[in-house]
């Protein structure tokens, strides 16, 4: 579909929104007229009020003349003076595609690239262009693959996609805003009715009368009905623009293959979902590792560590490249399935350009370390930037794990505090076990109905796993508190713990995990006939806690 037809379709869809609004206003006016003719004035006045309240969101949506301006994503703006090579590549690709280059490049902290244009008069007049480029792409793609990604995005400019998007975006924004108005009004109405009924029940309960069930399905039903009408049009709107949006993606892919090469384009499409999954894993397991302890890695390493993780996990990532998604992420996703896009590109004739741009795309930056550090300053909040910087990742890991263990709060901690009415400590727990009160304590744990009903050995089997897990973590916390626990950092696997010997004692076997040493001792402590001896012998120090010793079992 050409640009003219796409523009006409967008105008018709936008006009459909206004037509629906005027139609609904006409229906309300017609109902009001019938009320005037056939309903008593007192009742009609109340119904007029409902009509007015329904009309207000309709009028707001119809006369929302300006599309709300989206806030720019956090990122690091770079000028030609900052990154001359990157800008040269962008301008070269724009020339080859036959479009105007962006006037602003913003480096972002996500696995994505996008273009935007601040058009005027609903896209009839062009405006300043922006290119958003995710730094993780620079870290994970080759130069040829990145050129393909950039060519794809610039291809949207040449097809007038960014200009015509103004019409589609405006229609979508108006529909969603109108739906939002009705849903908020429905929610407020239901909340007021719920508060009224709860207040009535409270008065009834205070007088010893029977209370009624709170019912909020009917209040706000008229607002929800109006919202459903617009939701139906929104689905029609999105489906009508979906084929065109996906066609734009295919056209941009074709432009990328023509400019950057078939193989580079296909491999980039395969790589981006892998990088997206890897960056999510990196963020969850590395970036936020020190959040609770208010620790940050060395400057530049918040995003710089991603490249090191990619290098260390190449074998693990290789398998993901063959697992291409065959379904869109949602029925209204403007991007076709990756598998379909790759299939179309790989079906093109070979262009024998496999040797181009094999170097890392990060090399396009003048000073990657400086840029990664500047990106932190641009996207991290002021609160996070005040966190203490560690010397390296191992220090961050050990500081974080020590902080977590120091604040350990397991179900066993809470049960022990309620049972002894004192601070829950490992020495206190071991003393209680020696006193033969472990299974009485276990009754204070969160239990299933089956466990509550169980007796004797059956009960012990129900609670033993939870007891062992919590006790194991308490033991690790005790070692950590005595600086006897060290965590080994690794980019290619999860962190591993090892016990450190006390001065003058032989070191544990280097291949022995703490669980190998602690597990049997914990098992003995929660056996049918508990024995804390092995655990006391293993721990750094477990003196009897006189403040928690009791002679009588609490009931």
Protein backbone atom coordinates (compact mmCIF):
# COMPACT_ATOMS: atom_id res chain seq x y z
CA UNK A 1 0.00 0.00 0.00
CA UNK A 2 1.41 3.38 -1.03
CA UNK A 3 1.85 6.36 1.23
CA UNK A 4 -1.23 8.12 -0.22
CA UNK A 5 -3.52 5.17 0.45
CA UNK A 6 -2.09 4.69 3.94
CA UNK A 7 -2.71 8.37 4.68
CA UNK A 8 -6.28 8.09 3.39
CA UNK A 9 -6.93 5.02 5.54
CA UNK A 10 -5.54 6.77 8.62
CA UNK A 11 -7.79 9.77 7.95
CA UNK A 12 -10.86 7.56 7.55
CA UNK A 13 -10.12 5.72 10.79
CA UNK A 14 -9.63 9.01 12.61
CA UNK A 15 -12.89 10.30 11.13
CA UNK A 16 -14.57 7.11 12.35
CA UNK A 17 -13.66 8.03 15.92
CA UNK A 18 -15.38 11.42 15.57
CA UNK A 19 -18.37 9.84 13.84
CA UNK A 20 -18.78 7.36 16.69
CA UNK A 21 -18.59 10.16 19.23
CA UNK A 22 -21.19 12.33 17.48
CA UNK A 23 -23.42 9.29 17.02
CA UNK A 24 -23.31 8.52 20.74
CA UNK A 25 -24.01 12.17 21.59
CA UNK A 26 -26.98 12.06 19.23
CA UNK A 27 -28.26 8.92 20.95
CA UNK A 28 -27.97 10.62 24.35
CA UNK A 29 -29.76 13.69 23.00
CA UNK A 30 -32.52 11.49 21.63
CA UNK A 31 -32.94 9.73 24.95
CA UNK A 32 -33.10 13.10 26.71
CA UNK A 33 -35.85 14.22 24.31
CA UNK A 34 -37.88 11.08 25.03
CA UNK A 35 -37.42 11.67 28.74
CA UNK A 36 -38.73 15.21 28.29
CA UNK A 37 -41.85 13.91 26.53
CA UNK A 38 -42.77 10.86 28.59
CA UNK A 39 -41.09 10.95 32.02
CA UNK A 40 -42.16 13.00 35.03
CA UNK A 41 -39.95 16.11 35.46
CA UNK A 42 -38.48 15.03 38.82
CA UNK A 43 -37.24 11.67 37.54
CA UNK A 44 -36.25 13.12 34.17
CA UNK A 45 -33.95 15.64 35.87
CA UNK A 46 -32.02 12.83 37.56
CA UNK A 47 -31.71 10.97 34.25
CA UNK A 48 -30.57 14.18 32.50
CA UNK A 49 -27.69 14.29 34.97
CA UNK A 50 -26.58 10.79 33.98
CA UNK A 51 -26.72 11.83 30.34
CA UNK A 52 -24.54 14.88 31.01
CA UNK A 53 -21.99 12.82 32.93
CA UNK A 54 -21.79 10.38 30.01
CA UNK A 55 -21.45 13.20 27.49
CA UNK A 56 -18.50 14.90 29.21
CA UNK A 57 -15.88 12.22 28.36
CA UNK A 58 -17.27 12.04 24.80
CA UNK A 59 -16.83 15.77 24.29
CA UNK A 60 -13.36 15.70 25.84
CA UNK A 61 -12.29 13.01 23.40
CA UNK A 62 -13.82 14.75 20.38
CA UNK A 63 -12.15 18.08 21.08
CA UNK A 64 -8.75 16.82 22.13
CA UNK A 65 -7.12 18.72 19.28
CA UNK A 66 -3.55 17.98 20.24
CA UNK A 67 -1.98 14.58 20.71
CA UNK A 68 -0.25 14.43 24.11
CA UNK A 69 3.47 14.78 23.56
CA UNK A 70 5.28 11.64 24.63
CA UNK A 71 8.17 12.06 27.02
CA UNK A 72 11.54 11.23 25.53
CA UNK A 73 13.03 8.00 26.81
CA UNK A 74 16.00 8.38 29.18
CA UNK A 75 19.26 8.25 27.34
CA UNK A 76 22.53 9.92 26.40
CA UNK A 77 22.42 12.42 23.51
CA UNK A 78 25.59 12.23 21.39
CA UNK A 79 26.70 14.83 18.87
CA UNK A 80 28.94 14.41 15.85
CA UNK A 81 31.78 15.79 17.94
CA UNK A 82 31.14 13.08 20.56
CA UNK A 83 30.80 10.12 18.18
CA UNK A 84 32.01 11.06 14.68
CA UNK A 85 32.26 7.49 13.38
CA UNK A 86 28.75 6.54 14.49
CA UNK A 87 27.30 9.67 12.97
CA UNK A 88 29.21 9.07 9.73
CA UNK A 89 27.69 5.59 9.46
CA UNK A 90 24.19 6.96 10.12
CA UNK A 91 24.56 9.68 7.47
CA UNK A 92 26.03 7.26 4.95
CA UNK A 93 23.15 4.83 5.40
CA UNK A 94 20.58 7.64 5.15
CA UNK A 95 22.14 8.77 1.85
CA UNK A 96 22.07 5.25 0.43
CA UNK A 97 18.43 4.79 1.44
CA UNK A 98 17.55 8.19 0.03
CA UNK A 99 16.21 9.92 3.11
CA UNK A 100 17.05 12.79 5.42
CA UNK A 101 19.32 11.79 8.33
CA UNK A 102 18.14 12.30 11.91
CA UNK A 103 19.14 15.50 13.62
CA UNK A 104 19.55 13.86 17.04
CA UNK A 105 20.98 10.52 18.17
CA UNK A 106 20.15 9.25 21.65
CA UNK A 107 21.94 6.24 23.16
CA UNK A 108 19.54 4.29 25.37
CA UNK A 109 19.96 1.47 27.94
CA UNK A 110 17.65 -1.05 26.24
CA UNK A 111 17.83 -3.67 23.48
CA UNK A 112 16.06 -1.58 20.87
CA UNK A 113 16.48 0.88 18.06
CA UNK A 114 13.76 3.27 16.95
CA UNK A 115 13.18 6.41 14.92
CA UNK A 116 10.75 9.25 15.52
CA UNK A 117 9.84 12.50 13.86
CA UNK A 118 8.22 15.59 15.37
CA UNK A 119 5.84 16.28 12.48
CA UNK A 120 3.31 19.08 12.23
CA UNK A 121 -0.23 19.28 10.86
CA UNK A 122 -0.84 15.56 11.39
CA UNK A 123 2.21 14.59 9.36
CA UNK A 124 1.68 16.92 6.42
CA UNK A 125 4.78 18.88 7.35
CA UNK A 126 8.06 17.15 8.29
CA UNK A 127 9.93 17.93 11.48
CA UNK A 128 13.12 17.14 13.40
CA UNK A 129 14.09 13.48 13.39
CA UNK A 130 15.50 11.38 16.24
CA UNK A 131 17.28 8.05 16.32
CA UNK A 132 17.20 6.02 19.54
CA UNK A 133 19.95 3.39 19.65
CA UNK A 134 20.28 0.89 22.49
CA UNK A 135 23.81 0.45 23.79
CA UNK A 136 23.24 -3.31 24.40
CA UNK A 137 22.90 -3.62 20.61
CA UNK A 138 26.32 -2.05 20.20
CA UNK A 139 27.71 -4.55 22.71
CA UNK A 140 26.13 -7.64 21.16
CA UNK A 141 26.07 -7.04 17.41
CA UNK A 142 28.79 -6.92 14.79
CA UNK A 143 29.27 -3.74 12.80
CA UNK A 144 27.50 -5.28 9.79
CA UNK A 145 24.54 -6.35 11.93
CA UNK A 146 24.26 -2.88 13.46
CA UNK A 147 24.34 -1.29 9.99
CA UNK A 148 21.42 -3.55 9.12
CA UNK A 149 19.48 -2.42 12.20
CA UNK A 150 20.16 1.24 11.41
CA UNK A 151 19.21 0.76 7.75
CA UNK A 152 15.93 -0.83 8.86
CA UNK A 153 15.08 2.13 11.09
CA UNK A 154 16.08 4.72 8.48
CA UNK A 155 13.95 2.80 5.99
CA UNK A 156 10.92 3.86 8.01
CA UNK A 157 11.81 7.46 7.17
CA UNK A 158 11.99 6.76 3.43
CA UNK A 159 8.55 5.12 3.47
CA UNK A 160 7.06 8.15 5.28
CA UNK A 161 6.14 5.79 8.14
CA UNK A 162 7.15 8.24 10.85
CA UNK A 163 5.18 11.10 9.27
CA UNK A 164 2.00 9.13 8.64
CA UNK A 165 2.25 7.65 12.11
CA UNK A 166 1.01 10.98 13.47
CA UNK A 167 -2.49 10.29 12.16
CA UNK A 168 -2.57 6.76 13.54
CA UNK A 169 -1.07 7.81 16.86
CA UNK A 170 -3.56 10.64 17.26
CA UNK A 171 -6.52 8.33 16.67
CA UNK A 172 -5.13 5.73 19.04
CA UNK A 173 -4.44 8.36 21.72
CA UNK A 174 -7.94 9.79 21.50
CA UNK A 175 -9.63 6.39 21.69
CA UNK A 176 -7.54 5.27 24.65
CA UNK A 177 -8.04 8.57 26.46
CA UNK A 178 -11.81 8.34 26.03
CA UNK A 179 -11.83 4.73 27.24
CA UNK A 180 -9.71 5.81 30.20
CA UNK A 181 -12.19 8.56 31.12
CA UNK A 182 -15.09 6.11 31.22
CA UNK A 183 -13.14 3.46 33.14
CA UNK A 184 -12.02 6.00 35.75
CA UNK A 185 -15.58 7.25 36.19
CA UNK A 186 -16.84 3.67 36.53
CA UNK A 187 -14.17 2.95 39.13
CA UNK A 188 -14.98 6.06 41.14
CA UNK A 189 -18.70 5.26 41.08
CA UNK A 190 -18.12 1.68 42.23
CA UNK A 191 -15.72 2.86 44.95
CA UNK A 192 -18.26 5.36 46.30
CA UNK A 193 -20.95 2.69 46.37
CA UNK A 194 -18.61 0.24 48.10
CA UNK A 195 -17.73 2.82 50.75
CA UNK A 196 -21.44 3.58 51.28
CA UNK A 197 -22.32 -0.09 51.73
CA UNK A 198 -19.36 -0.74 54.04
CA UNK A 199 -20.35 2.24 56.20
CA UNK A 200 -23.90 0.91 56.36
CA UNK A 201 -22.63 -2.56 57.35
CA UNK A 202 -20.42 -1.06 60.03
CA UNK A 203 -23.40 0.72 61.59
CA UNK A 204 -25.44 -2.48 61.42
CA UNK A 205 -22.67 -4.51 63.03
CA UNK A 206 -22.32 -1.96 65.82
CA UNK A 207 -26.02 -2.42 66.60
CA UNK A 208 -25.74 -6.21 66.48
CA UNK A 209 -27.74 -6.44 63.26
CA UNK A 210 -27.04 -8.69 60.28
CA UNK A 211 -24.77 -7.21 57.60
CA UNK A 212 -25.29 -7.63 53.87
CA UNK A 213 -22.78 -8.56 51.18
CA UNK A 214 -21.13 -5.60 49.46
CA UNK A 215 -22.31 -5.47 45.82
CA UNK A 216 -20.51 -3.23 43.31
CA UNK A 217 -21.31 -4.87 39.97
CA UNK A 218 -24.12 -2.50 39.00
CA UNK A 219 -22.78 0.95 40.03
CA UNK A 220 -20.91 2.48 37.07
CA UNK A 221 -22.45 0.07 34.56
CA UNK A 222 -23.34 2.89 32.13
CA UNK A 223 -19.74 4.12 32.12
CA UNK A 224 -18.43 0.60 31.57
CA UNK A 225 -20.87 0.14 28.69
CA UNK A 226 -19.57 3.27 26.98
CA UNK A 227 -16.00 2.09 27.56
CA UNK A 228 -16.85 -1.26 25.92
CA UNK A 229 -18.21 0.52 22.85
CA UNK A 230 -14.96 2.42 22.39
CA UNK A 231 -12.91 -0.67 23.20
CA UNK A 232 -14.65 -2.44 20.33
CA UNK A 233 -13.76 0.43 17.99
CA UNK A 234 -10.19 0.42 19.30
CA UNK A 235 -9.85 -3.27 18.36
CA UNK A 236 -11.21 -2.50 14.89
CA UNK A 237 -8.81 0.45 14.62
CA UNK A 238 -5.77 -1.60 15.60
CA UNK A 239 -6.67 -4.51 13.34
CA UNK A 240 -7.26 -2.16 10.41
CA UNK A 241 -3.81 -0.62 10.81
CA UNK A 242 -2.07 -3.89 11.65
CA UNK A 243 -1.51 -5.19 8.12
CA UNK A 244 -0.08 -1.84 7.06
CA UNK A 245 2.21 -1.65 10.08
CA UNK A 246 3.56 -5.14 9.43
CA UNK A 247 3.97 -4.30 5.75
CA UNK A 248 6.11 -1.34 6.81
CA UNK A 249 8.34 -3.70 8.80
CA UNK A 250 8.76 -6.02 5.79
CA UNK A 251 9.64 -3.02 3.60
CA UNK A 252 12.19 -1.78 6.14
CA UNK A 253 13.70 -5.29 6.32
CA UNK A 254 14.04 -5.33 2.54
CA UNK A 255 15.77 -1.96 2.62
CA UNK A 256 18.15 -3.22 5.31
CA UNK A 257 19.01 -6.32 3.28
CA UNK A 258 19.65 -4.21 0.18
CA UNK A 259 21.90 -1.75 2.00
CA UNK A 260 23.64 -3.88 4.66
CA UNK A 261 23.47 -7.34 3.09
CA UNK A 262 21.17 -10.32 3.26
CA UNK A 263 23.17 -12.37 5.75
CA UNK A 264 23.87 -9.44 8.09
CA UNK A 265 20.16 -8.57 8.17
CA UNK A 266 19.02 -12.14 8.82
CA UNK A 267 21.63 -12.70 11.53
CA UNK A 268 20.73 -9.39 13.20
CA UNK A 269 17.08 -10.42 13.32
CA UNK A 270 18.12 -13.70 14.93
CA UNK A 271 20.43 -11.99 17.40
CA UNK A 272 18.17 -9.25 18.75
CA UNK A 273 15.73 -11.58 20.62
CA UNK A 274 18.76 -13.37 22.09
CA UNK A 275 20.24 -10.08 23.27
CA UNK A 276 16.88 -9.02 24.68
CA UNK A 277 16.60 -12.22 26.75
CA UNK A 278 20.26 -11.99 27.80
CA UNK A 279 19.92 -8.35 28.87
CA UNK A 280 16.85 -9.17 30.94
CA UNK A 281 18.82 -11.94 32.66
CA UNK A 282 21.80 -9.61 33.17
CA UNK A 283 19.62 -6.88 34.66
CA UNK A 284 17.90 -9.26 37.08
CA UNK A 285 20.97 -11.21 38.20
CA UNK A 286 23.76 -8.63 38.00
CA UNK A 287 22.62 -5.00 37.68
CA UNK A 288 20.22 -5.01 40.64
CA UNK A 289 22.37 -7.37 42.70
CA UNK A 290 23.47 -4.64 45.12
CA UNK A 291 20.20 -2.72 45.25
CA UNK A 292 19.18 -3.76 48.78
CA UNK A 293 22.68 -3.09 50.09
CA UNK A 294 22.84 0.21 48.14
CA UNK A 295 25.91 -0.89 46.20
CA UNK A 296 26.94 -0.23 42.61
CA UNK A 297 29.69 -1.82 40.52
CA UNK A 298 32.64 0.34 39.41
CA UNK A 299 31.79 3.32 37.23
CA UNK A 300 30.87 2.23 33.72
CA UNK A 301 30.20 -1.36 34.75
CA UNK A 302 26.41 -1.07 35.19
CA UNK A 303 26.14 -1.50 31.42
CA UNK A 304 29.72 -2.48 30.69
CA UNK A 305 29.34 -5.82 32.47
CA UNK A 306 26.78 -6.93 29.87
CA UNK A 307 29.47 -7.29 27.23
CA UNK A 308 31.56 -9.48 29.55
CA UNK A 309 28.58 -11.69 30.33
CA UNK A 310 27.87 -12.12 26.61
CA UNK A 311 31.45 -13.21 25.98
CA UNK A 312 31.37 -15.70 28.85
CA UNK A 313 28.02 -17.28 27.90
CA UNK A 314 28.45 -17.68 24.13
CA UNK A 315 27.80 -21.43 24.20
CA UNK A 316 24.63 -20.94 26.22
CA UNK A 317 23.40 -18.19 23.91
CA UNK A 318 24.10 -20.14 20.73
CA UNK A 319 21.14 -22.42 21.32
CA UNK A 320 18.76 -19.45 21.60
CA UNK A 321 19.56 -18.26 18.08
CA UNK A 322 17.77 -21.23 16.54
CA UNK A 323 14.62 -20.78 18.67
CA UNK A 324 12.83 -18.11 16.65
CA UNK A 325 9.37 -16.99 17.66
CA UNK A 326 6.69 -17.97 15.14
CA UNK A 327 3.95 -15.90 16.77
CA UNK A 328 3.65 -12.14 17.36
CA UNK A 329 3.94 -11.04 20.96
CA UNK A 330 0.27 -9.96 20.88
CA UNK A 331 -2.59 -9.97 18.33
CA UNK A 332 -1.99 -6.24 17.85
CA UNK A 333 1.82 -6.29 17.65
CA UNK A 334 2.91 -4.14 14.71
CA UNK A 335 5.95 -6.36 14.16
CA UNK A 336 5.52 -9.67 12.29
CA UNK A 337 6.94 -12.83 13.93
CA UNK A 338 10.73 -12.95 13.84
CA UNK A 339 10.71 -16.37 12.18
CA UNK A 340 8.67 -15.03 9.28
CA UNK A 341 10.92 -12.00 8.84
CA UNK A 342 14.06 -14.15 8.87
CA UNK A 343 12.52 -16.58 6.39
CA UNK A 344 11.74 -13.76 3.96
CA UNK A 345 15.25 -12.33 4.19
CA UNK A 346 17.00 -15.67 3.82
CA UNK A 347 14.90 -16.42 0.73
CA UNK A 348 16.55 -13.49 -1.09
CA UNK A 349 19.38 -14.25 -3.55
CA UNK A 350 22.84 -14.53 -2.00
CA UNK A 351 24.83 -11.30 -2.23
CA UNK A 352 28.21 -12.73 -1.12
CA UNK A 353 28.77 -10.05 1.53
CA UNK A 354 29.51 -12.33 4.45
CA UNK A 355 32.95 -10.82 5.13
CA UNK A 356 31.77 -7.25 5.68
CA UNK A 357 31.84 -5.56 9.07
CA UNK A 358 32.81 -8.49 11.26
CA UNK A 359 34.18 -6.25 14.02
CA UNK A 360 32.19 -5.46 17.14
CA UNK A 361 29.72 -2.62 16.73
CA UNK A 362 30.96 -1.15 20.02
CA UNK A 363 34.08 -0.14 18.08
CA UNK A 364 32.05 2.57 16.35
CA UNK A 365 32.16 4.55 19.60
CA UNK A 366 35.13 6.85 20.11
CA UNK A 367 35.66 5.81 23.73
CA UNK A 368 33.30 2.98 24.80
CA UNK A 369 34.31 3.11 28.46
CA UNK A 370 33.64 6.84 28.66
CA UNK A 371 30.29 6.43 26.89
CA UNK A 372 29.17 3.59 29.17
CA UNK A 373 30.01 5.70 32.22
CA UNK A 374 28.19 8.74 30.79
CA UNK A 375 25.14 6.58 30.06
CA UNK A 376 24.95 5.69 33.76
CA UNK A 377 24.88 9.38 34.65
CA UNK A 378 22.10 9.95 32.11
CA UNK A 379 19.72 7.12 33.01
CA UNK A 380 20.30 6.18 36.66
CA UNK A 381 18.20 8.07 39.17
CA UNK A 382 19.87 10.47 41.57
CA UNK A 383 19.08 8.11 44.46
CA UNK A 384 20.81 5.18 42.77
CA UNK A 385 23.83 7.27 41.79
CA UNK A 386 24.39 7.92 45.51
CA UNK A 387 24.95 4.20 46.17
CA UNK A 388 28.47 3.25 47.20
CA UNK A 389 30.70 2.09 44.35
CA UNK A 390 32.54 -1.18 44.94
CA UNK A 391 36.03 -1.88 43.68
CA UNK A 392 34.86 -4.77 41.49
CA UNK A 393 32.00 -7.21 40.88
CA UNK A 394 33.22 -9.79 43.45
CA UNK A 395 33.10 -7.13 46.17
CA UNK A 396 29.59 -6.19 45.04
CA UNK A 397 28.47 -9.83 45.20
CA UNK A 398 29.89 -10.47 48.68
CA UNK A 399 28.57 -7.18 50.05
CA UNK A 400 25.13 -7.89 48.66
CA UNK A 401 24.96 -11.47 49.95
CA UNK A 402 26.23 -10.46 53.38
CA UNK A 403 23.53 -7.80 53.56
CA UNK A 404 20.82 -10.27 52.57
CA UNK A 405 21.92 -12.85 55.11
CA UNK A 406 22.22 -10.21 57.83
CA UNK A 407 18.58 -9.27 57.27
CA UNK A 408 17.39 -12.84 56.93
CA UNK A 409 13.74 -13.28 57.85
CA UNK A 410 12.46 -16.80 57.23
CA UNK A 411 9.20 -18.40 58.42
CA UNK A 412 11.32 -20.15 61.04
CA UNK A 413 12.60 -16.79 62.33
CA UNK A 414 9.07 -15.51 62.72
CA UNK A 415 7.82 -18.71 64.35
CA UNK A 416 10.76 -18.71 66.79
CA UNK A 417 10.11 -15.06 67.73
CA UNK A 418 6.44 -15.78 68.46
CA UNK A 419 7.28 -18.96 70.40
CA UNK A 420 10.04 -17.56 72.63
CA UNK A 421 8.90 -13.92 72.75
CA UNK A 422 12.54 -12.98 72.15
CA UNK A 423 14.88 -12.15 69.28
CA UNK A 424 15.22 -15.17 66.98
CA UNK A 425 18.84 -16.36 66.90
CA UNK A 426 20.51 -19.58 65.84
CA UNK A 427 21.87 -20.32 69.36
CA UNK A 428 18.36 -19.88 70.76
CA UNK A 429 16.99 -22.27 68.15
CA UNK A 430 19.61 -24.93 68.88
CA UNK A 431 18.91 -24.64 72.63
CA UNK A 432 15.21 -25.08 71.95
CA UNK A 433 15.91 -28.17 69.82
CA UNK A 434 18.04 -29.64 72.61
CA UNK A 435 15.15 -29.04 75.00
CA UNK A 436 12.96 -31.26 72.81
CA UNK A 437 10.62 -28.52 71.65
CA UNK A 438 11.35 -28.47 67.90
CA UNK A 439 8.02 -29.99 66.86
CA UNK A 440 6.07 -27.67 69.13
CA UNK A 441 7.85 -24.78 67.42
CA UNK A 442 7.01 -26.28 64.03
CA UNK A 443 3.32 -25.88 64.82
CA UNK A 444 3.90 -22.09 64.60
CA UNK A 445 5.07 -22.32 60.96
CA UNK A 446 2.70 -21.49 58.08
CA UNK A 447 1.06 -24.87 57.46
CA UNK A 448 -1.30 -26.36 54.94
CA UNK A 449 -4.61 -27.79 56.10
CA UNK A 450 -3.20 -31.30 55.67
CA UNK A 451 -0.16 -30.48 57.81
CA UNK A 452 -2.32 -28.94 60.54
CA UNK A 453 -4.43 -32.09 60.69
CA UNK A 454 -1.43 -34.44 60.65
CA UNK A 455 -0.03 -36.06 63.80
CA UNK A 456 3.22 -37.67 64.87
CA UNK A 457 5.54 -38.86 62.10
CA UNK A 458 3.18 -37.65 59.34
CA UNK A 459 3.35 -34.12 60.75
CA UNK A 460 7.13 -34.26 60.98
CA UNK A 461 7.39 -35.32 57.33
CA UNK A 462 5.18 -32.41 56.30
CA UNK A 463 7.24 -29.73 58.06
CA UNK A 464 10.76 -31.19 57.82
CA UNK A 465 11.61 -29.69 54.37
CA UNK A 466 10.60 -26.17 55.45
CA UNK A 467 12.48 -26.52 58.72
CA UNK A 468 15.62 -27.78 56.98
CA UNK A 469 15.55 -25.00 54.37
CA UNK A 470 15.14 -22.21 56.92
CA UNK A 471 17.72 -23.72 59.28
CA UNK A 472 20.20 -24.08 56.41
CA UNK A 473 19.84 -20.38 55.61
CA UNK A 474 20.24 -19.46 59.28
CA UNK A 475 23.49 -21.43 59.37
CA UNK A 476 24.78 -19.64 56.26
CA UNK A 477 23.91 -16.32 57.92
CA UNK A 478 25.89 -17.38 61.01
CA UNK A 479 28.96 -18.15 58.91
CA UNK A 480 28.56 -14.86 57.05
CA UNK A 481 28.30 -12.93 60.33
CA UNK A 482 31.65 -14.43 61.39
CA UNK A 483 33.27 -13.66 57.99
CA UNK A 484 33.50 -17.37 57.29
CA UNK A 485 31.47 -17.35 54.07
CA UNK A 486 32.82 -16.18 50.72
CA UNK A 487 30.95 -15.93 47.41
CA UNK A 488 32.84 -16.59 44.17
CA UNK A 489 31.74 -14.36 41.30
CA UNK A 490 31.42 -15.66 37.75
CA UNK A 491 30.08 -14.38 34.43
CA UNK A 492 29.31 -17.83 33.03
CA UNK A 493 27.42 -19.32 35.97
CA UNK A 494 25.65 -18.30 39.14
CA UNK A 495 27.53 -17.28 42.29
CA UNK A 496 28.90 -20.11 44.41
CA UNK A 497 29.58 -20.02 48.15
CA UNK A 498 32.48 -21.56 50.01
CA UNK A 499 33.34 -21.77 53.68
CA UNK A 500 36.51 -20.17 54.97
CA UNK A 501 38.50 -21.82 57.78
CA UNK A 502 39.09 -20.14 61.07
CA UNK A 503 42.74 -19.23 61.74
CA UNK A 504 44.72 -22.34 62.60
CA UNK A 505 42.15 -24.79 61.23
CA UNK A 506 42.58 -26.81 58.04
CA UNK A 507 40.66 -25.44 55.06
CA UNK A 508 37.61 -27.38 53.84
CA UNK A 509 38.13 -29.28 50.58
CA UNK A 510 38.21 -26.84 47.67
CA UNK A 511 35.48 -28.72 45.81
CA UNK A 512 33.18 -29.01 48.82
CA UNK A 513 30.13 -26.76 48.65
CA UNK A 514 28.73 -25.41 51.94
CA UNK A 515 25.64 -27.56 51.40
CA UNK A 516 27.85 -30.68 51.36
CA UNK A 517 29.15 -29.78 54.82
CA UNK A 518 26.07 -28.13 56.31
CA UNK A 519 23.39 -30.40 54.82
CA UNK A 520 24.08 -33.55 56.91
CA UNK A 521 24.37 -31.51 60.11
CA UNK A 522 21.07 -29.74 59.40
CA UNK A 523 19.48 -33.09 58.62
CA UNK A 524 20.55 -34.42 62.00
CA UNK A 525 19.10 -31.35 63.75
CA UNK A 526 15.63 -31.88 62.20
CA UNK A 527 15.56 -35.69 62.39
CA UNK A 528 12.82 -37.55 64.27
CA UNK A 529 15.20 -37.55 67.24
CA UNK A 530 17.01 -34.22 66.74
CA UNK A 531 20.75 -33.99 67.40
CA UNK A 532 22.41 -30.56 67.27
CA UNK A 533 25.87 -31.90 68.02
CA UNK A 534 27.12 -32.10 64.39
CA UNK A 535 25.82 -28.58 63.72
CA UNK A 536 27.36 -27.10 66.88
CA UNK A 537 30.68 -28.69 65.99
CA UNK A 538 30.55 -27.12 62.51
CA UNK A 539 29.46 -23.61 63.45
CA UNK A 540 31.94 -20.81 64.24
CA UNK A 541 30.46 -20.23 67.68
CA UNK A 542 27.14 -21.34 69.17
CA UNK A 543 27.11 -20.49 72.86
CA UNK A 544 23.98 -21.10 74.86
CA UNK A 545 21.76 -18.03 74.80
CA UNK A 546 20.58 -17.66 78.40
CA UNK A 547 18.04 -15.01 77.44
CA UNK A 548 16.26 -17.55 75.30
CA UNK A 549 16.55 -20.64 77.52
CA UNK A 550 13.24 -21.79 78.97
CA UNK A 551 12.36 -24.63 81.27
CA UNK A 552 8.66 -24.81 80.48
CA UNK A 553 7.24 -25.43 77.04
CA UNK A 554 4.93 -22.64 75.90
CA UNK A 555 1.44 -23.83 75.17
